[in-house]
C-alpha atoms as a PDB file:
ATOM      1  CA  MET A   1      -0.921  24.482  22.407  1.00  0.00           C
ATOM      2  CA  SER A   2       1.664  25.178  25.089  1.00  0.00           C
ATOM      3  CA  ASN A   3       2.731  21.526  25.386  1.00  0.00           C
ATOM      4  CA  PHE A   4       3.111  20.832  21.662  1.00  0.00           C
ATOM      5  CA  ASP A   5       6.319  21.170  19.644  1.00  0.00           C
ATOM      6  CA  TYR A   6       6.727  20.294  15.986  1.00  0.00           C
ATOM      7  CA  ARG A   7      10.268  19.603  14.691  1.00  0.00           C
ATOM      8  CA  THR A   8      10.963  20.014  10.980  1.00  0.00           C
ATOM      9  CA  ASN A   9      13.925  18.596   9.044  1.00  0.00           C
ATOM     10  CA  ALA A  10      14.192  15.778  11.583  1.00  0.00           C
ATOM     11  CA  GLU A  11      14.330  12.027  10.997  1.00  0.00           C
ATOM     12  CA  VAL A  12      13.625   9.453  13.688  1.00  0.00           C
ATOM     13  CA  ILE A  13      16.108   6.604  13.393  1.00  0.00           C
ATOM     14  CA  ARG A  14      14.979   4.362  16.252  1.00  0.00           C
ATOM     15  CA  VAL A  15      12.674   3.914  19.195  1.00  0.00           C
ATOM     16  CA  ASP A  16      14.746   3.583  22.378  1.00  0.00           C
ATOM     17  CA  MET A  17      13.594   0.843  24.711  1.00  0.00           C
ATOM     18  CA  HIS A  18      13.871   0.371  28.469  1.00  0.00           C
ATOM     19  CA  PRO A  19      16.341  -2.348  29.533  1.00  0.00           C
ATOM     20  CA  ASP A  20      13.562  -4.929  29.931  1.00  0.00           C
ATOM     21  CA  GLY A  21      12.447  -4.335  26.313  1.00  0.00           C
ATOM     22  CA  LYS A  22       8.783  -4.172  27.306  1.00  0.00           C
ATOM     23  CA  SER A  23       8.245  -0.449  26.826  1.00  0.00           C
ATOM     24  CA  ALA A  24       9.787   2.526  25.056  1.00  0.00           C
ATOM     25  CA  ARG A  25      11.528   5.388  26.821  1.00  0.00           C
ATOM     26  CA  GLY A  26      11.596   7.726  23.813  1.00  0.00           C
ATOM     27  CA  VAL A  27      13.020   8.113  20.327  1.00  0.00           C
ATOM     28  CA  THR A  28      16.320   9.167  18.811  1.00  0.00           C
ATOM     29  CA  TYR A  29      16.211  11.478  15.824  1.00  0.00           C
ATOM     30  CA  ILE A  30      18.675  13.320  13.602  1.00  0.00           C
ATOM     31  CA  ASN A  31      18.070  17.080  13.646  1.00  0.00           C
ATOM     32  CA  GLU A  32      18.634  19.605  10.856  1.00  0.00           C
ATOM     33  CA  ASN A  33      22.287  19.961  11.893  1.00  0.00           C
ATOM     34  CA  GLY A  34      22.942  16.220  11.581  1.00  0.00           C
ATOM     35  CA  GLU A  35      23.079  15.732  15.349  1.00  0.00           C
ATOM     36  CA  GLU A  36      21.565  12.788  17.228  1.00  0.00           C
ATOM     37  CA  VAL A  37      18.924  13.927  19.712  1.00  0.00           C
ATOM     38  CA  PHE A  38      17.169  11.743  22.279  1.00  0.00           C
ATOM     39  CA  GLN A  39      13.544  12.706  22.922  1.00  0.00           C
ATOM     40  CA  PRO A  40      12.065  11.146  26.108  1.00  0.00           C
ATOM     41  CA  ALA A  41       8.465   9.973  25.766  1.00  0.00           C
ATOM     42  CA  GLY A  42       5.866   8.224  27.860  1.00  0.00           C
ATOM     43  CA  ILE A  43       4.012   7.094  24.709  1.00  0.00           C
ATOM     44  CA  VAL A  44       5.476   6.654  21.220  1.00  0.00           C
ATOM     45  CA  LEU A  45       3.258   6.739  18.139  1.00  0.00           C
ATOM     46  CA  LEU A  46       4.691   5.576  14.822  1.00  0.00           C
ATOM     47  CA  CYS A  47       2.605   7.253  12.127  1.00  0.00           C
ATOM     48  CA  ALA A  48       4.941   7.172   9.142  1.00  0.00           C
ATOM     49  CA  TYR A  49       4.241   5.349   5.897  1.00  0.00           C
ATOM     50  CA  GLN A  50       3.860   1.575   6.084  1.00  0.00           C
ATOM     51  CA  PHE A  51       7.426   0.763   5.039  1.00  0.00           C
ATOM     52  CA  TYR A  52       9.056   3.164   7.484  1.00  0.00           C
ATOM     53  CA  ASN A  53       6.894   2.063  10.399  1.00  0.00           C
ATOM     54  CA  VAL A  54       7.945  -1.548   9.858  1.00  0.00           C
ATOM     55  CA  ARG A  55      11.582  -0.543   9.426  1.00  0.00           C
ATOM     56  CA  LEU A  56      11.555   1.413  12.701  1.00  0.00           C
ATOM     57  CA  MET A  57      10.088  -1.574  14.538  1.00  0.00           C
ATOM     58  CA  LEU A  58      12.805  -3.829  13.131  1.00  0.00           C
ATOM     59  CA  LEU A  59      15.595  -1.338  13.861  1.00  0.00           C
ATOM     60  CA  SER A  60      14.303  -0.838  17.403  1.00  0.00           C
ATOM     61  CA  GLY A  61      13.781  -4.474  18.339  1.00  0.00           C
ATOM     62  CA  ILE A  62      10.015  -4.074  18.796  1.00  0.00           C
ATOM     63  CA  GLY A  63       8.411  -7.448  18.213  1.00  0.00           C
ATOM     64  CA  LYS A  64       9.924 -10.628  16.808  1.00  0.00           C
ATOM     65  CA  PRO A  65      11.129 -10.333  13.195  1.00  0.00           C
ATOM     66  CA  TYR A  66       9.469 -12.684  10.740  1.00  0.00           C
ATOM     67  CA  ASP A  67      11.595 -15.691   9.762  1.00  0.00           C
ATOM     68  CA  PHE A  68      10.713 -16.941   6.293  1.00  0.00           C
ATOM     69  CA  ALA A  69      12.429 -20.297   6.892  1.00  0.00           C
ATOM     70  CA  THR A  70      10.472 -21.187  10.029  1.00  0.00           C
ATOM     71  CA  GLY A  71       7.333 -19.058   9.599  1.00  0.00           C
ATOM     72  CA  GLU A  72       7.817 -17.651  13.093  1.00  0.00           C
ATOM     73  CA  GLY A  73       7.746 -13.988  14.062  1.00  0.00           C
ATOM     74  CA  ALA A  74       5.314 -11.202  13.228  1.00  0.00           C
ATOM     75  CA  VAL A  75       7.206  -8.082  12.147  1.00  0.00           C
ATOM     76  CA  GLY A  76       7.743  -8.173   8.394  1.00  0.00           C
ATOM     77  CA  ARG A  77       5.226 -10.886   7.496  1.00  0.00           C
ATOM     78  CA  ASN A  78       2.080 -10.605   5.347  1.00  0.00           C
ATOM     79  CA  TYR A  79       3.442  -8.068   2.876  1.00  0.00           C
ATOM     80  CA  SER A  80       0.927  -7.628   0.067  1.00  0.00           C
ATOM     81  CA  PHE A  81       0.590  -5.224  -2.812  1.00  0.00           C
ATOM     82  CA  LEU A  82      -2.003  -4.867  -5.555  1.00  0.00           C
ATOM     83  CA  SER A  83      -1.938  -5.010  -9.325  1.00  0.00           C
ATOM     84  CA  ASN A  84      -3.430  -2.581 -11.789  1.00  0.00           C
ATOM     85  CA  GLY A  85      -4.143  -2.929 -15.474  1.00  0.00           C
ATOM     86  CA  GLY A  86      -6.739  -2.167 -18.060  1.00  0.00           C
ATOM     87  CA  LEU A  87      -7.554  -0.761 -21.462  1.00  0.00           C
ATOM     88  CA  THR A  88      -7.255   2.668 -23.029  1.00  0.00           C
ATOM     89  CA  LEU A  89      -9.916   3.334 -25.651  1.00  0.00           C
ATOM     90  CA  TYR A  90      -9.379   5.995 -28.351  1.00  0.00           C
ATOM     91  CA  TYR A  91     -12.149   7.720 -30.312  1.00  0.00           C
ATOM     92  CA  LYS A  92     -11.777  10.004 -33.313  1.00  0.00           C
ATOM     93  CA  ASP A  93     -15.185  11.615 -32.779  1.00  0.00           C
ATOM     94  CA  LYS A  94     -15.451  11.977 -28.954  1.00  0.00           C
ATOM     95  CA  GLN A  95     -14.072  14.522 -26.460  1.00  0.00           C
ATOM     96  CA  PHE A  96     -13.674  13.661 -22.755  1.00  0.00           C
ATOM     97  CA  ASN A  97     -12.460  17.005 -21.310  1.00  0.00           C
ATOM     98  CA  PRO A  98      -9.561  15.536 -19.288  1.00  0.00           C
ATOM     99  CA  PHE A  99      -8.537  18.980 -18.030  1.00  0.00           C
ATOM    100  CA  ALA A 100     -11.713  19.019 -15.885  1.00  0.00           C
ATOM    101  CA  THR A 101     -11.342  15.587 -14.325  1.00  0.00           C
ATOM    102  CA  ALA A 102     -10.502  14.172 -10.903  1.00  0.00           C
ATOM    103  CA  GLY A 103     -10.077  10.607  -9.751  1.00  0.00           C
ATOM    104  CA  ALA A 104     -13.160  10.778  -7.554  1.00  0.00           C
ATOM    105  CA  THR A 105     -15.398  11.640 -10.535  1.00  0.00           C
ATOM    106  CA  GLY A 106     -14.982   8.192 -12.058  1.00  0.00           C
ATOM    107  CA  VAL A 107     -17.466   5.360 -12.317  1.00  0.00           C
ATOM    108  CA  MET A 108     -16.874   1.974 -10.681  1.00  0.00           C
ATOM    109  CA  PHE A 109     -18.616  -1.358 -10.303  1.00  0.00           C
ATOM    110  CA  ASN A 110     -17.838  -4.171  -7.877  1.00  0.00           C
ATOM    111  CA  ASP A 111     -19.505  -7.159  -9.496  1.00  0.00           C
ATOM    112  CA  VAL A 112     -16.241  -9.095  -9.325  1.00  0.00           C
ATOM    113  CA  SER A 113     -15.250  -8.036  -5.827  1.00  0.00           C
ATOM    114  CA  PRO A 114     -14.434 -10.743  -3.255  1.00  0.00           C
ATOM    115  CA  ARG A 115     -17.854 -10.929  -1.678  1.00  0.00           C
ATOM    116  CA  PRO A 116     -20.510 -13.532  -0.881  1.00  0.00           C
ATOM    117  CA  GLY A 117     -22.186 -14.664  -4.082  1.00  0.00           C
ATOM    118  CA  PHE A 118     -19.206 -14.156  -6.392  1.00  0.00           C
ATOM    119  CA  THR A 119     -18.130 -17.711  -7.258  1.00  0.00           C
ATOM    120  CA  ASP A 120     -16.483 -17.343 -10.672  1.00  0.00           C
ATOM    121  CA  GLY A 121     -13.073 -17.041  -9.085  1.00  0.00           C
ATOM    122  CA  VAL A 122     -13.121 -20.580  -7.746  1.00  0.00           C
ATOM    123  CA  LYS A 123     -14.280 -21.881 -11.140  1.00  0.00           C
ATOM    124  CA  HIS A 124     -11.313 -20.191 -12.805  1.00  0.00           C
ATOM    125  CA  GLY A 125      -8.725 -21.201 -10.235  1.00  0.00           C
ATOM    126  CA  PHE A 126      -8.291 -18.066  -8.137  1.00  0.00           C
ATOM    127  CA  ILE A 127      -9.641 -16.370  -5.042  1.00  0.00           C
ATOM    128  CA  GLY A 128     -10.133 -12.630  -4.614  1.00  0.00           C
ATOM    129  CA  GLY A 129     -11.463 -10.078  -7.027  1.00  0.00           C
ATOM    130  CA  ALA A 130     -11.224  -6.481  -8.140  1.00  0.00           C
ATOM    131  CA  LYS A 131     -12.941  -3.211  -8.715  1.00  0.00           C
ATOM    132  CA  ILE A 132     -13.409  -2.213 -12.345  1.00  0.00           C
ATOM    133  CA  HIS A 133     -13.521   1.509 -12.912  1.00  0.00           C
ATOM    134  CA  SER A 134     -13.241   4.294 -15.442  1.00  0.00           C
ATOM    135  CA  SER A 135     -11.693   7.484 -14.152  1.00  0.00           C
ATOM    136  CA  GLN A 136      -9.083  10.048 -15.068  1.00  0.00           C
ATOM    137  CA  ALA A 137      -7.126  11.702 -12.276  1.00  0.00           C
ATOM    138  CA  THR A 138      -5.364  14.322 -14.347  1.00  0.00           C
ATOM    139  CA  GLY A 139      -5.399  16.000 -17.732  1.00  0.00           C
ATOM    140  CA  ASN A 140      -1.683  16.740 -17.957  1.00  0.00           C
ATOM    141  CA  PRO A 141      -0.814  16.508 -21.665  1.00  0.00           C
ATOM    142  CA  ILE A 142       2.689  15.243 -20.952  1.00  0.00           C
ATOM    143  CA  GLY A 143       1.221  12.210 -19.196  1.00  0.00           C
ATOM    144  CA  THR A 144      -1.585  11.500 -21.646  1.00  0.00           C
ATOM    145  CA  SER A 145      -1.712   8.040 -23.217  1.00  0.00           C
ATOM    146  CA  LEU A 146      -1.508   8.033 -26.999  1.00  0.00           C
ATOM    147  CA  PRO A 147      -2.408   5.226 -29.435  1.00  0.00           C
ATOM    148  CA  PRO A 148       0.078   2.415 -30.038  1.00  0.00           C
ATOM    149  CA  GLY A 149       2.724   3.362 -32.572  1.00  0.00           C
ATOM    150  CA  THR A 150       2.751   7.071 -31.720  1.00  0.00           C
ATOM    151  CA  PRO A 151       6.324   8.375 -31.314  1.00  0.00           C
ATOM    152  CA  GLY A 152       7.344   9.138 -27.743  1.00  0.00           C
ATOM    153  CA  TRP A 153       8.939  12.502 -28.558  1.00  0.00           C
ATOM    154  CA  GLY A 154       9.506  15.069 -31.284  1.00  0.00           C
ATOM    155  CA  ALA A 155       7.225  16.098 -34.136  1.00  0.00           C
ATOM    156  CA  GLY A 156       5.456  12.735 -34.244  1.00  0.00           C
ATOM    157  CA  TRP A 157       4.554  12.999 -30.558  1.00  0.00           C
ATOM    158  CA  LYS A 158       3.292  16.574 -31.008  1.00  0.00           C
ATOM    159  CA  LYS A 159       1.078  15.521 -33.904  1.00  0.00           C
ATOM    160  CA  GLY A 160      -0.237  12.576 -31.904  1.00  0.00           C
ATOM    161  CA  MET A 161      -1.053  14.866 -28.995  1.00  0.00           C
ATOM    162  CA  ALA A 162      -2.864  17.312 -31.306  1.00  0.00           C
ATOM    163  CA  ASP A 163      -4.863  14.477 -32.871  1.00  0.00           C
ATOM    164  CA  TRP A 164      -5.715  12.467 -29.723  1.00  0.00           C
ATOM    165  CA  TYR A 165      -5.589  14.661 -26.601  1.00  0.00           C
ATOM    166  CA  GLY A 166      -8.967  14.398 -24.867  1.00  0.00           C
ATOM    167  CA  ARG A 167     -10.130  11.574 -27.105  1.00  0.00           C
ATOM    168  CA  SER A 168      -9.428   8.602 -24.854  1.00  0.00           C
ATOM    169  CA  MET A 169     -10.954   6.888 -21.840  1.00  0.00           C
ATOM    170  CA  LYS A 170      -9.774   4.072 -19.613  1.00  0.00           C
ATOM    171  CA  ILE A 171     -11.271   0.852 -18.291  1.00  0.00           C
ATOM    172  CA  SER A 172      -9.093   0.009 -15.301  1.00  0.00           C
ATOM    173  CA  ILE A 173      -8.813  -2.729 -12.711  1.00  0.00           C
ATOM    174  CA  THR A 174      -7.504  -2.633  -9.150  1.00  0.00           C
ATOM    175  CA  THR A 175      -7.105  -6.102  -7.725  1.00  0.00           C
ATOM    176  CA  THR A 176      -6.872  -7.926  -4.444  1.00  0.00           C
ATOM    177  CA  CYS A 177      -3.565  -9.479  -3.445  1.00  0.00           C
ATOM    178  CA  MET A 178      -3.188 -12.400  -1.095  1.00  0.00           C
ATOM    179  CA  SER A 179      -0.317 -12.570   1.388  1.00  0.00           C
ATOM    180  CA  TYR A 180       2.095 -15.468   1.113  1.00  0.00           C
ATOM    181  CA  ARG A 181       4.767 -16.971   3.323  1.00  0.00           C
ATOM    182  CA  SER A 182       7.449 -16.040   0.770  1.00  0.00           C
ATOM    183  CA  ASN A 183       6.412 -12.358   0.495  1.00  0.00           C
ATOM    184  CA  PHE A 184       7.836 -10.386   3.405  1.00  0.00           C
ATOM    185  CA  MET A 185      10.012  -7.505   4.613  1.00  0.00           C
ATOM    186  CA  ASP A 186      13.222  -7.554   6.623  1.00  0.00           C
ATOM    187  CA  LEU A 187      16.366  -5.493   7.190  1.00  0.00           C
ATOM    188  CA  ASP A 188      18.745  -5.603   4.254  1.00  0.00           C
ATOM    189  CA  PRO A 189      22.049  -7.340   5.106  1.00  0.00           C
ATOM    190  CA  THR A 190      24.017  -5.210   2.632  1.00  0.00           C
ATOM    191  CA  TYR A 191      22.502  -1.799   1.933  1.00  0.00           C
ATOM    192  CA  LYS A 192      22.447   0.944   4.557  1.00  0.00           C
ATOM    193  CA  ASP A 193      21.179   4.516   4.802  1.00  0.00           C
ATOM    194  CA  ARG A 194      23.370   7.586   5.302  1.00  0.00           C
ATOM    195  CA  TYR A 195      23.457   6.961   9.054  1.00  0.00           C
ATOM    196  CA  GLY A 196      24.685   3.395   8.683  1.00  0.00           C
ATOM    197  CA  ASN A 197      21.339   1.739   9.500  1.00  0.00           C
ATOM    198  CA  PRO A 198      20.102  -1.164   7.344  1.00  0.00           C
ATOM    199  CA  LEU A 199      17.532  -0.283   4.705  1.00  0.00           C
ATOM    200  CA  LEU A 200      14.259  -2.172   4.484  1.00  0.00           C
ATOM    201  CA  ARG A 201      14.304  -5.096   2.050  1.00  0.00           C
ATOM    202  CA  VAL A 202      11.123  -6.300   0.337  1.00  0.00           C
ATOM    203  CA  THR A 203      10.939  -9.869  -0.958  1.00  0.00           C
ATOM    204  CA  PHE A 204       7.908 -10.133  -3.226  1.00  0.00           C
ATOM    205  CA  ASP A 205       6.686 -11.537  -6.524  1.00  0.00           C
ATOM    206  CA  TRP A 206       3.351 -12.167  -8.183  1.00  0.00           C
ATOM    207  CA  LYS A 207       1.844 -15.599  -7.682  1.00  0.00           C
ATOM    208  CA  GLU A 208      -0.314 -17.753  -9.930  1.00  0.00           C
ATOM    209  CA  ASN A 209      -3.476 -16.632  -8.137  1.00  0.00           C
ATOM    210  CA  GLU A 210      -2.986 -12.963  -8.994  1.00  0.00           C
ATOM    211  CA  LYS A 211      -2.016 -13.740 -12.610  1.00  0.00           C
ATOM    212  CA  LYS A 212      -5.153 -15.846 -13.148  1.00  0.00           C
ATOM    213  CA  LEU A 213      -7.246 -13.039 -11.640  1.00  0.00           C
ATOM    214  CA  GLN A 214      -5.720 -10.553 -14.098  1.00  0.00           C
ATOM    215  CA  GLN A 215      -6.516 -12.766 -17.083  1.00  0.00           C
ATOM    216  CA  TYR A 216     -10.099 -13.237 -15.920  1.00  0.00           C
ATOM    217  CA  LEU A 217     -10.500  -9.473 -15.605  1.00  0.00           C
ATOM    218  CA  ARG A 218      -8.926  -8.938 -19.018  1.00  0.00           C
ATOM    219  CA  ASP A 219     -11.730 -10.944 -20.617  1.00  0.00           C
ATOM    220  CA  ILE A 220     -14.348  -8.786 -18.873  1.00  0.00           C
ATOM    221  CA  CYS A 221     -12.650  -5.548 -19.926  1.00  0.00           C
ATOM    222  CA  LEU A 222     -12.352  -6.708 -23.525  1.00  0.00           C
ATOM    223  CA  SER A 223     -16.065  -7.488 -23.519  1.00  0.00           C
ATOM    224  CA  LEU A 224     -16.773  -3.943 -22.312  1.00  0.00           C
ATOM    225  CA  LYS A 225     -14.484  -2.629 -25.018  1.00  0.00           C
ATOM    226  CA  ASP A 226     -16.510  -4.451 -27.668  1.00  0.00           C
ATOM    227  CA  ASP A 227     -19.661  -2.737 -26.420  1.00  0.00           C
ATOM    228  CA  LEU A 228     -17.998   0.699 -26.388  1.00  0.00           C
ATOM    229  CA  GLN A 229     -16.556   0.304 -29.923  1.00  0.00           C
ATOM    230  CA  PRO A 230     -13.410   2.451 -29.859  1.00  0.00           C
ATOM    231  CA  ASP A 231     -11.483   3.209 -33.037  1.00  0.00           C
ATOM    232  CA  ILE A 232      -8.235   2.039 -31.444  1.00  0.00           C
ATOM    233  CA  PHE A 233      -7.358   0.519 -28.092  1.00  0.00           C
ATOM    234  CA  SER A 234      -4.318  -0.525 -26.080  1.00  0.00           C
ATOM    235  CA  GLU A 235      -4.071  -2.859 -23.094  1.00  0.00           C
ATOM    236  CA  SER A 236      -1.859  -3.406 -20.054  1.00  0.00           C
ATOM    237  CA  PHE A 237      -2.632  -6.587 -18.163  1.00  0.00           C
ATOM    238  CA  MET A 238      -0.292  -8.852 -16.228  1.00  0.00           C
ATOM    239  CA  LYS A 239       0.931 -11.731 -18.359  1.00  0.00           C
ATOM    240  CA  GLU A 240       1.491 -15.280 -17.149  1.00  0.00           C
ATOM    241  CA  ASP A 241       5.250 -14.738 -16.947  1.00  0.00           C
ATOM    242  CA  ALA A 242       5.001 -11.352 -15.201  1.00  0.00           C
ATOM    243  CA  HIS A 243       7.218 -10.447 -12.249  1.00  0.00           C
ATOM    244  CA  TYR A 244       7.058  -7.688  -9.653  1.00  0.00           C
ATOM    245  CA  ASP A 245       8.369  -4.446 -11.180  1.00  0.00           C
ATOM    246  CA  LEU A 246       8.283  -1.062  -9.455  1.00  0.00           C
ATOM    247  CA  ARG A 247       9.834   0.938 -12.305  1.00  0.00           C
ATOM    248  CA  PRO A 248       6.412   1.943 -13.686  1.00  0.00           C
ATOM    249  CA  TYR A 249       4.033   3.423 -11.113  1.00  0.00           C
ATOM    250  CA  VAL A 250       1.524   0.908  -9.781  1.00  0.00           C
ATOM    251  CA  SER A 251       0.170   2.114  -6.444  1.00  0.00           C
ATOM    252  CA  THR A 252       1.142   3.409  -3.021  1.00  0.00           C
ATOM    253  CA  HIS A 253      -1.464   1.238  -1.272  1.00  0.00           C
ATOM    254  CA  THR A 254       0.892  -1.338   0.195  1.00  0.00           C
ATOM    255  CA  HIS A 255      -0.180  -3.513   3.101  1.00  0.00           C
ATOM    256  CA  GLY A 256       1.215  -5.786   5.772  1.00  0.00           C
ATOM    257  CA  GLY A 257       4.440  -6.011   7.703  1.00  0.00           C
ATOM    258  CA  ALA A 258       3.018  -5.291  11.157  1.00  0.00           C
ATOM    259  CA  VAL A 259      -0.441  -6.761  11.026  1.00  0.00           C
ATOM    260  CA  MET A 260      -3.242  -6.478  13.543  1.00  0.00           C
ATOM    261  CA  GLY A 261      -4.848  -9.489  15.204  1.00  0.00           C
ATOM    262  CA  GLU A 262      -6.119 -11.203  18.320  1.00  0.00           C
ATOM    263  CA  THR A 263      -2.933 -12.933  19.462  1.00  0.00           C
ATOM    264  CA  PRO A 264       0.763 -11.944  19.538  1.00  0.00           C
ATOM    265  CA  GLU A 265       2.058 -15.193  18.032  1.00  0.00           C
ATOM    266  CA  GLN A 266       1.424 -14.204  14.403  1.00  0.00           C
ATOM    267  CA  THR A 267       0.478 -10.524  14.649  1.00  0.00           C
ATOM    268  CA  ALA A 268       2.375  -7.433  15.763  1.00  0.00           C
ATOM    269  CA  LEU A 269      -0.488  -5.225  16.958  1.00  0.00           C
ATOM    270  CA  ASN A 270      -3.812  -5.479  18.747  1.00  0.00           C
ATOM    271  CA  LYS A 271      -6.991  -3.776  17.555  1.00  0.00           C
ATOM    272  CA  TYR A 272      -5.887  -0.439  19.055  1.00  0.00           C
ATOM    273  CA  SER A 273      -2.720  -0.508  16.882  1.00  0.00           C
ATOM    274  CA  GLN A 274      -0.814  -1.137  20.117  1.00  0.00           C
ATOM    275  CA  SER A 275       2.326  -3.265  19.977  1.00  0.00           C
ATOM    276  CA  TRP A 276       1.951  -6.616  21.703  1.00  0.00           C
ATOM    277  CA  ASP A 277       5.597  -6.378  22.741  1.00  0.00           C
ATOM    278  CA  ALA A 278       5.924  -2.743  23.857  1.00  0.00           C
ATOM    279  CA  HIS A 279       2.711  -1.514  25.466  1.00  0.00           C
ATOM    280  CA  ASN A 280       3.418   2.211  25.083  1.00  0.00           C
ATOM    281  CA  VAL A 281       4.159   1.982  21.345  1.00  0.00           C
ATOM    282  CA  PHE A 282       1.237   2.495  18.948  1.00  0.00           C
ATOM    283  CA  VAL A 283       1.763   1.962  15.213  1.00  0.00           C
ATOM    284  CA  VAL A 284      -0.906   3.267  12.807  1.00  0.00           C
ATOM    285  CA  GLY A 285      -0.998   2.590   9.069  1.00  0.00           C
ATOM    286  CA  GLY A 286      -1.613   0.181   6.209  1.00  0.00           C
ATOM    287  CA  HIS A 287       0.921  -2.263   7.662  1.00  0.00           C
ATOM    288  CA  ALA A 288      -1.918  -3.483   9.909  1.00  0.00           C
ATOM    289  CA  PHE A 289      -3.886  -5.162   7.081  1.00  0.00           C
ATOM    290  CA  PRO A 290      -3.099  -8.877   6.587  1.00  0.00           C
ATOM    291  CA  GLN A 291      -4.236  -8.876   2.928  1.00  0.00           C
ATOM    292  CA  ASN A 292      -4.874  -6.272   0.239  1.00  0.00           C
ATOM    293  CA  HIS A 293      -8.603  -6.143  -0.388  1.00  0.00           C
ATOM    294  CA  GLN A 294      -8.413  -4.018  -3.616  1.00  0.00           C
ATOM    295  CA  SER A 295      -9.993  -0.834  -2.244  1.00  0.00           C
ATOM    296  CA  ASN A 296      -7.987   2.234  -1.255  1.00  0.00           C
ATOM    297  CA  PRO A 297      -7.639   1.952   2.544  1.00  0.00           C
ATOM    298  CA  THR A 298      -7.445   5.625   3.518  1.00  0.00           C
ATOM    299  CA  SER A 299     -10.776   5.815   5.347  1.00  0.00           C
ATOM    300  CA  MET A 300     -10.122   2.605   7.269  1.00  0.00           C
ATOM    301  CA  ILE A 301      -6.673   3.795   8.325  1.00  0.00           C
ATOM    302  CA  GLY A 302      -8.303   6.999   9.574  1.00  0.00           C
ATOM    303  CA  GLY A 303     -10.767   4.910  11.568  1.00  0.00           C
ATOM    304  CA  MET A 304      -7.960   2.862  13.104  1.00  0.00           C
ATOM    305  CA  ALA A 305      -6.134   6.055  14.056  1.00  0.00           C
ATOM    306  CA  TYR A 306      -9.294   7.295  15.765  1.00  0.00           C
ATOM    307  CA  LEU A 307      -9.699   4.013  17.672  1.00  0.00           C
ATOM    308  CA  ALA A 308      -6.055   4.131  18.788  1.00  0.00           C
ATOM    309  CA  ALA A 309      -6.457   7.708  20.031  1.00  0.00           C
ATOM    310  CA  LYS A 310      -9.696   6.810  21.812  1.00  0.00           C
ATOM    311  CA  GLY A 311      -8.023   3.848  23.529  1.00  0.00           C
ATOM    312  CA  ILE A 312      -5.080   5.972  24.645  1.00  0.00           C
ATOM    313  CA  VAL A 313      -7.211   8.809  26.031  1.00  0.00           C
ATOM    314  CA  GLU A 314      -9.985   6.772  27.624  1.00  0.00           C
ATOM    315  CA  GLN A 315      -8.039   3.738  28.888  1.00  0.00           C
ATOM    316  CA  TYR A 316      -4.265   3.849  28.579  1.00  0.00           C
ATOM    317  CA  LEU A 317      -3.509   7.189  30.275  1.00  0.00           C
ATOM    318  CA  SER A 318      -5.265   6.174  33.468  1.00  0.00           C
ATOM    319  CA  ASN A 319      -4.000   2.588  33.455  1.00  0.00           C
ATOM    320  CA  PRO A 320      -0.879   2.070  31.274  1.00  0.00           C
ATOM    321  CA  GLY A 321      -0.522  -1.439  29.925  1.00  0.00           C
ATOM    322  CA  GLN A 322      -1.970  -3.741  27.321  1.00  0.00           C
ATOM    323  CA  LEU A 323      -5.443  -2.632  26.229  1.00  0.00           C
ATOM    324  CA  VAL A 324      -6.221  -6.165  24.977  1.00  0.00           C
ATOM    325  CA  GLN A 325      -5.364  -9.306  26.887  1.00  0.00           C
ATOM    326  CA  ALA A 326      -4.232 -12.127  24.601  1.00  0.00           C
END
């Protein structure tokens, strides 16, 4: 395409606004030589990962930052994550061929998903639900789970790998996560990046609702374990005193921060992923979801990107302005 240029080794550090603050005039990025470059633009699309999209909006003054103390503002609010957990079942007499697996080949059931007809959550003091699944995304020996008590290195680890590789299966959960007033994102007052710009700060912890959900799901998984009769098993469920911890991998499906809605008072974007505050800025990603519904959101994000593109091509180009009237 003659009018397309793709810049590598470049990092956008802000969206530059017109003096009235109602529209963008372009972006500033750092090129591969460490130089600041201003790129004029009639339309700006932020299509980075959720965290970076929200950070760019905050750094650029697009939308009103969320204020935890007052509950006002839209950019940074509704941050939600998800929790995983489950069982690993070990069998002396079964082989599962993990070297031939992929995450999409697993089996899943949604009997405890947040849907009409599922009422156990209310009885047990929580709302939401989860998918329960058994899948194995990789067969890498170095990442294979081994039975409790197996040494983590050396001869003992090698023997454990020889005895148990390919002889385990998982029963896993992926849960919903509600958004709360006290879980949010803002610009860090202390830590900065290499260009001197504030890093994004995440304030988050698990609440009672999510902990009760985990314990309910634990009982279901243990019941399945009893039916499957492993020789040994291990478990990893959130305990009642658990706190948010990103040191072990959990998920990259983070939501919120610049959510989509019908009015600009509590949301940052309209249904076309268009900023309520800067009409020529479109922001596409998982930040648009106000809660985490448990399921991986990739297909929905693709659909939102398509709707944004459709709105730009069919409506915005011929008549720039808000595509939705609040």
